Protein backbone atom coordinates (compact mmCIF):
# COMPACT_ATOMS: atom_id res chain seq x y z
CA MET A 1 -7.15 6.92 13.86
CA ASN A 2 -7.48 6.79 10.22
CA THR A 3 -4.60 4.98 8.99
CA TRP A 4 -3.99 3.88 5.36
CA ILE A 5 -2.32 0.69 3.86
CA GLY A 6 -1.02 -0.62 1.09
CA LEU A 7 -1.58 -4.23 -0.57
CA GLY A 8 0.48 -6.26 -2.99
CA SER A 9 1.51 -9.09 -4.38
CA ASN A 10 3.21 -10.98 -7.50
CA LEU A 11 3.25 -14.65 -6.37
CA GLY A 12 0.45 -17.11 -5.83
CA ASN A 13 -3.21 -16.34 -5.85
CA SER A 14 -2.69 -12.57 -5.65
CA ARG A 15 -6.46 -11.52 -5.58
CA SER A 16 -6.42 -14.23 -2.47
CA LEU A 17 -4.28 -13.60 -0.75
CA ILE A 18 -5.04 -9.32 -0.73
CA VAL A 19 -8.24 -10.66 0.02
CA SER A 20 -7.11 -12.38 3.03
CA ALA A 21 -4.76 -10.13 4.47
CA LEU A 22 -7.69 -7.76 4.74
CA ALA A 23 -9.84 -10.16 6.57
CA GLU A 24 -7.01 -11.29 8.69
CA LEU A 25 -6.25 -7.24 9.55
CA GLY A 26 -10.02 -7.45 10.24
CA ILE A 27 -10.29 -9.98 13.00
CA HIS A 28 -7.59 -7.32 15.11
CA PRO A 29 -9.50 -5.69 17.91
CA GLY A 30 -7.91 -2.55 17.45
CA ILE A 31 -8.28 -2.42 13.58
CA ARG A 32 -11.38 -2.06 11.70
CA VAL A 33 -11.30 -2.62 7.84
CA VAL A 34 -13.08 1.14 6.61
CA ARG A 35 -12.99 0.59 2.84
CA CYS A 36 -10.03 -1.05 0.33
CA SER A 37 -9.78 0.47 -3.44
CA ALA A 38 -10.41 -1.60 -6.65
CA MET A 39 -7.26 -3.50 -7.28
CA TYR A 40 -4.70 -2.53 -10.04
CA ARG A 41 -2.63 -5.14 -12.35
CA THR A 42 0.38 -2.92 -12.18
CA SER A 43 4.60 -3.18 -13.37
CA PRO A 44 6.97 -4.26 -10.75
CA TRP A 45 8.77 -1.53 -9.38
CA GLY A 46 12.62 -1.94 -8.95
CA VAL A 47 13.41 -5.17 -10.13
CA SER A 48 11.48 -5.54 -13.66
CA GLU A 49 11.71 -9.42 -14.32
CA GLN A 50 9.35 -10.65 -12.25
CA PRO A 51 5.31 -11.11 -12.68
CA ASP A 52 3.05 -8.56 -12.71
CA PHE A 53 1.69 -6.82 -9.40
CA LEU A 54 -1.66 -6.84 -8.26
CA ASN A 55 -1.75 -3.92 -5.48
CA ALA A 56 -4.88 -2.06 -3.67
CA VAL A 57 -5.37 0.71 -0.91
CA ALA A 58 -7.32 0.49 2.01
CA GLU A 59 -8.33 2.64 4.97
CA LEU A 60 -8.62 1.26 8.09
CA GLU A 61 -9.52 2.62 11.71
CA THR A 62 -7.41 2.02 14.80
CA THR A 63 -6.95 2.49 18.10
CA LEU A 64 -3.35 1.30 17.86
CA SER A 65 -0.35 3.45 18.15
CA ALA A 66 2.01 3.95 14.73
CA GLN A 67 3.99 1.44 15.74
CA ASP A 68 1.54 -1.39 17.18
CA THR A 69 -0.49 -0.83 13.85
CA LEU A 70 3.04 -2.12 12.30
CA THR A 71 3.66 -5.08 14.20
CA VAL A 72 0.24 -6.16 13.07
CA LEU A 73 0.37 -5.46 9.48
CA LEU A 74 3.55 -7.54 9.79
CA LYS A 75 2.20 -10.63 11.74
CA ALA A 76 -0.79 -10.44 8.69
CA GLU A 77 2.19 -10.88 6.19
CA SER A 78 3.35 -13.61 8.45
CA ALA A 79 0.57 -15.24 8.64
CA LEU A 80 -0.31 -15.02 4.90
CA GLY A 81 3.24 -16.75 4.96
CA ARG A 82 5.48 -14.33 4.23
CA THR A 83 9.49 -14.02 4.91
CA ARG A 84 10.88 -10.89 4.86
CA LYS A 85 14.12 -12.72 3.69
CA GLU A 86 13.29 -12.06 0.08
CA ARG A 87 15.57 -9.62 -2.03
CA ARG A 88 14.24 -5.85 -2.02
CA TRP A 89 11.38 -5.08 -4.21
CA GLY A 90 11.80 -8.52 -5.46
CA PRO A 91 8.49 -11.01 -5.40
CA ARG A 92 6.18 -12.04 -2.70
CA ASN A 93 3.05 -13.41 -1.98
CA ILE A 94 2.33 -10.34 -0.08
CA ASP A 95 3.27 -6.61 0.80
CA ILE A 96 1.58 -4.56 3.48
CA ASP A 97 2.81 -1.12 3.85
CA LEU A 98 1.52 1.60 6.27
CA LEU A 99 1.43 4.46 4.05
CA LEU A 100 -0.47 6.84 6.36
CA TYR A 101 -1.17 6.80 10.28
CA GLY A 102 -3.50 9.80 10.65
CA SER A 103 -1.20 13.59 9.70
CA GLU A 104 1.22 11.89 11.81
CA ILE A 105 4.96 11.96 11.11
CA TYR A 106 7.55 9.47 12.20
CA VAL A 107 11.35 8.66 11.26
CA LEU A 108 12.05 6.17 13.22
CA PRO A 109 14.71 3.47 12.13
CA GLU A 110 11.67 0.76 11.88
CA LEU A 111 9.17 3.08 11.09
CA ARG A 112 8.47 5.91 8.34
CA VAL A 113 5.03 7.41 7.90
CA PRO A 114 4.36 8.73 5.47
CA HIS A 115 5.86 6.24 3.49
CA PRO A 116 8.94 7.50 2.20
CA ARG A 117 7.82 6.79 -1.63
CA MET A 118 4.27 6.67 -1.43
CA HIS A 119 4.12 10.24 -3.58
CA ARG A 120 6.40 9.01 -6.16
CA ARG A 121 4.16 5.55 -6.99
CA ARG A 122 1.10 5.68 -9.07
CA PHE A 123 0.67 1.97 -8.19
CA VAL A 124 -0.18 3.74 -4.74
CA LEU A 125 -1.44 6.88 -6.00
CA ILE A 126 -4.12 5.63 -8.21
CA PRO A 127 -5.80 3.78 -6.14
CA LEU A 128 -6.00 6.07 -3.06
CA ALA A 129 -7.11 8.53 -5.57
CA GLU A 130 -10.04 6.40 -6.13
CA LEU A 131 -10.74 6.60 -2.66
CA GLU A 132 -9.63 9.88 -1.57
CA PRO A 133 -8.11 12.32 -3.80
CA ASP A 134 -7.55 14.95 -1.40
CA LEU A 135 -6.25 13.47 1.15
CA VAL A 136 -3.17 14.97 2.33
CA ILE A 137 0.16 13.68 2.15
CA PRO A 138 2.22 15.57 4.77
CA GLY A 139 4.96 17.04 3.30
CA ARG A 140 3.61 16.64 -0.17
CA GLY A 141 0.37 17.85 -0.63
CA THR A 142 -2.74 16.25 -2.36
CA VAL A 143 -2.88 12.58 -3.61
CA ALA A 144 -4.24 13.80 -6.75
CA GLY A 145 -1.74 16.75 -6.70
CA CYS A 146 1.18 14.24 -6.33
CA LEU A 147 -0.70 12.17 -9.25
CA ARG A 148 -0.35 15.46 -11.40
CA ARG A 149 3.47 16.33 -10.59
CA LEU A 150 4.08 12.65 -11.69
CA ASP A 151 2.05 13.30 -15.20
CA ARG A 152 4.28 16.48 -15.56
CA GLU A 153 7.29 15.00 -14.94
CA SER A 154 6.75 12.05 -17.65
CA SER A 155 4.40 11.09 -19.72
CA ARG A 156 4.54 7.39 -19.12
CA ASP A 157 7.05 5.44 -16.94
CA LYS A 158 7.73 1.94 -15.94
CA HIS A 159 6.05 1.91 -12.52
CA ASP A 160 2.44 2.23 -14.20
CA VAL A 161 -1.00 1.04 -13.28
CA ILE A 162 -1.76 -1.35 -16.30
CA GLU A 163 -5.34 -1.81 -15.60
CA LYS A 164 -8.24 -1.29 -13.60
CA LEU A 165 -9.40 -5.44 -11.94
CA GLY A 166 -12.20 -4.37 -10.45
CA PRO A 167 -13.11 -4.68 -6.51
């Protein structure tokens, strides 16, 4: 199944942590990392009094179910030192979100796909548009269309991408 994930970090060596997260996922027999966007330095979302984030998006190919894919993502976070006791939207050394699992929709207590806020977050949409602007977010339209809607709604907001840092 074609799957998209978002990666973010704002504690420690963020670039190295994102690369390590992709490597950790790539060693799992049910997951293949297909490609990854450039990394982007972004303003924090939700809690503004914290360091800027590095964010990227990656495409995976998986033979796992959506629930099992999420379990692997959470284990990769844990292997890199993430504890899920931190404040919501607060600083973290690594964050891996399951954004899309094919064109499937899941609304479960532990899993919501598409990610419920991805269509409102430039730090997800811009790297995703770099790789696949015509990708359809079920119920929301294309990635490029979501970006155009955000641009119409507000010229800029505090959750903007600050700069593209390259691969």
